[in-house]
C-alpha atoms as a PDB file:
ATOM      1  CA  UNK A   1      92.868 117.891  80.081  1.00  0.00           C
ATOM      2  CA  UNK A   2      93.945 114.526  78.701  1.00  0.00           C
ATOM      3  CA  UNK A   3      93.655 111.293  80.686  1.00  0.00           C
ATOM      4  CA  UNK A   4      94.933 107.793  79.924  1.00  0.00           C
ATOM      5  CA  UNK A   5      94.289 104.972  82.359  1.00  0.00           C
ATOM      6  CA  UNK A   6      95.366 101.380  81.702  1.00  0.00           C
ATOM      7  CA  UNK A   7      95.051  98.336  83.938  1.00  0.00           C
ATOM      8  CA  UNK A   8      97.677  95.595  83.802  1.00  0.00           C
ATOM      9  CA  UNK A   9      97.969  92.732  86.285  1.00  0.00           C
ATOM     10  CA  UNK A  10      95.755  94.476  88.847  1.00  0.00           C
ATOM     11  CA  UNK A  11      97.618  97.808  88.741  1.00  0.00           C
ATOM     12  CA  UNK A  12      96.061 100.850  87.095  1.00  0.00           C
ATOM     13  CA  UNK A  13      98.533 103.347  85.633  1.00  0.00           C
ATOM     14  CA  UNK A  14      97.075 106.824  85.182  1.00  0.00           C
ATOM     15  CA  UNK A  15      98.688 109.532  83.072  1.00  0.00           C
ATOM     16  CA  UNK A  16      97.227 113.019  82.823  1.00  0.00           C
ATOM     17  CA  UNK A  17      98.136 116.227  81.065  1.00  0.00           C
ATOM     18  CA  UNK A  18      96.432 119.225  82.642  1.00  0.00           C
ATOM     19  CA  UNK A  19      95.650 122.486  80.882  1.00  0.00           C
ATOM     20  CA  UNK A  20      96.840 125.529  82.855  1.00  0.00           C
ATOM     21  CA  UNK A  21      99.339 128.360  82.291  1.00  0.00           C
ATOM     22  CA  UNK A  22     100.544 127.969  85.923  1.00  0.00           C
ATOM     23  CA  UNK A  23     101.422 131.655  86.281  1.00  0.00           C
ATOM     24  CA  UNK A  24     102.274 132.903  89.785  1.00  0.00           C
ATOM     25  CA  UNK A  25     102.329 136.470  91.117  1.00  0.00           C
ATOM     26  CA  UNK A  26     105.957 137.264  90.244  1.00  0.00           C
ATOM     27  CA  UNK A  27     105.711 135.814  86.746  1.00  0.00           C
ATOM     28  CA  UNK A  28     102.431 137.641  86.100  1.00  0.00           C
ATOM     29  CA  UNK A  29     104.116 140.980  86.808  1.00  0.00           C
ATOM     30  CA  UNK A  30     106.963 140.345  84.366  1.00  0.00           C
ATOM     31  CA  UNK A  31     104.782 138.765  81.651  1.00  0.00           C
ATOM     32  CA  UNK A  32     101.847 141.155  82.140  1.00  0.00           C
ATOM     33  CA  UNK A  33      99.522 138.168  82.443  1.00  0.00           C
ATOM     34  CA  UNK A  34      96.835 137.214  84.934  1.00  0.00           C
ATOM     35  CA  UNK A  35      97.741 135.006  87.930  1.00  0.00           C
ATOM     36  CA  UNK A  36      96.351 131.553  87.183  1.00  0.00           C
ATOM     37  CA  UNK A  37      97.454 128.169  88.520  1.00  0.00           C
ATOM     38  CA  UNK A  38      96.041 124.847  89.744  1.00  0.00           C
ATOM     39  CA  UNK A  39      95.934 124.508  93.535  1.00  0.00           C
ATOM     40  CA  UNK A  40      94.436 121.036  94.020  1.00  0.00           C
ATOM     41  CA  UNK A  41      93.968 117.855  91.972  1.00  0.00           C
ATOM     42  CA  UNK A  42      91.907 114.786  92.858  1.00  0.00           C
ATOM     43  CA  UNK A  43      91.417 111.452  91.111  1.00  0.00           C
ATOM     44  CA  UNK A  44      88.432 109.225  91.840  1.00  0.00           C
ATOM     45  CA  UNK A  45      87.625 105.782  90.517  1.00  0.00           C
ATOM     46  CA  UNK A  46      83.928 104.916  90.762  1.00  0.00           C
ATOM     47  CA  UNK A  47      83.506 107.828  93.184  1.00  0.00           C
ATOM     48  CA  UNK A  48      86.289 106.677  95.544  1.00  0.00           C
ATOM     49  CA  UNK A  49      89.271 108.989  96.090  1.00  0.00           C
ATOM     50  CA  UNK A  50      92.462 107.218  94.971  1.00  0.00           C
ATOM     51  CA  UNK A  51      94.948 110.107  94.552  1.00  0.00           C
ATOM     52  CA  UNK A  52      95.229 113.805  95.359  1.00  0.00           C
ATOM     53  CA  UNK A  53      97.828 116.545  95.212  1.00  0.00           C
ATOM     54  CA  UNK A  54      98.150 120.160  96.315  1.00  0.00           C
ATOM     55  CA  UNK A  55     100.070 122.263  93.822  1.00  0.00           C
ATOM     56  CA  UNK A  56     101.058 125.850  93.170  1.00  0.00           C
ATOM     57  CA  UNK A  57     102.560 128.140  90.554  1.00  0.00           C
ATOM     58  CA  UNK A  58     105.939 126.387  90.855  1.00  0.00           C
ATOM     59  CA  UNK A  59     104.912 123.794  88.229  1.00  0.00           C
ATOM     60  CA  UNK A  60     105.487 124.215  84.508  1.00  0.00           C
ATOM     61  CA  UNK A  61     102.776 125.213  82.059  1.00  0.00           C
ATOM     62  CA  UNK A  62     100.328 122.349  81.338  1.00  0.00           C
ATOM     63  CA  UNK A  63     101.702 120.007  84.042  1.00  0.00           C
ATOM     64  CA  UNK A  64     101.934 116.252  83.511  1.00  0.00           C
ATOM     65  CA  UNK A  65     101.229 113.766  86.309  1.00  0.00           C
ATOM     66  CA  UNK A  66     101.409 109.993  86.531  1.00  0.00           C
ATOM     67  CA  UNK A  67     100.451 107.633  89.349  1.00  0.00           C
ATOM     68  CA  UNK A  68      99.523 104.000  89.913  1.00  0.00           C
ATOM     69  CA  UNK A  69      96.825 102.459  92.060  1.00  0.00           C
ATOM     70  CA  UNK A  70      95.430  99.013  92.755  1.00  0.00           C
ATOM     71  CA  UNK A  71      91.920 100.437  92.999  1.00  0.00           C
ATOM     72  CA  UNK A  72      89.864  99.891  89.871  1.00  0.00           C
ATOM     73  CA  UNK A  73      89.712  97.561  86.895  1.00  0.00           C
ATOM     74  CA  UNK A  74      89.081  97.692  83.159  1.00  0.00           C
ATOM     75  CA  UNK A  75      85.836  99.478  82.358  1.00  0.00           C
ATOM     76  CA  UNK A  76      85.718 101.493  85.590  1.00  0.00           C
ATOM     77  CA  UNK A  77      85.353 105.257  85.308  1.00  0.00           C
ATOM     78  CA  UNK A  78      88.123 107.590  86.496  1.00  0.00           C
ATOM     79  CA  UNK A  79      87.350 111.250  87.152  1.00  0.00           C
ATOM     80  CA  UNK A  80      90.065 113.901  87.490  1.00  0.00           C
ATOM     81  CA  UNK A  81      89.061 117.208  89.074  1.00  0.00           C
ATOM     82  CA  UNK A  82      91.180 120.348  89.436  1.00  0.00           C
ATOM     83  CA  UNK A  83      90.661 123.524  91.465  1.00  0.00           C
ATOM     84  CA  UNK A  84      92.480 126.724  90.543  1.00  0.00           C
ATOM     85  CA  UNK A  85      93.547 129.739  92.596  1.00  0.00           C
ATOM     86  CA  UNK A  86      90.226 131.478  91.813  1.00  0.00           C
ATOM     87  CA  UNK A  87      88.203 128.554  93.165  1.00  0.00           C
ATOM     88  CA  UNK A  88      87.015 127.419  89.739  1.00  0.00           C
ATOM     89  CA  UNK A  89      86.793 123.677  89.153  1.00  0.00           C
ATOM     90  CA  UNK A  90      87.405 121.652  86.026  1.00  0.00           C
ATOM     91  CA  UNK A  91      86.894 117.933  85.576  1.00  0.00           C
ATOM     92  CA  UNK A  92      87.247 115.237  82.952  1.00  0.00           C
ATOM     93  CA  UNK A  93      86.639 111.503  82.938  1.00  0.00           C
ATOM     94  CA  UNK A  94      87.751 108.399  81.094  1.00  0.00           C
ATOM     95  CA  UNK A  95      87.254 104.642  81.230  1.00  0.00           C
ATOM     96  CA  UNK A  96      90.100 102.424  82.393  1.00  0.00           C
ATOM     97  CA  UNK A  97      91.325 100.318  79.489  1.00  0.00           C
END
């Protein structure tokens, strides 16, 4: 997972590249691969939820997301957490620049 968060004029722009094959049931049968995809993504700044999304296998491999928020400032910590179809969680954090 890669995260870039930059604050400019009170608006924080967050860009993230997630690491997942995003393989659904139908694709797993044709590719002979295990079903694996991200189901939920959350973003928190200083522990406060600022963005979330529910996803599924319809996204491309290693999906890219971008959003903006007025919550947070330079130096604050942003934490991105993902949950996959097996219930496993993954998280990463970065400082807002």
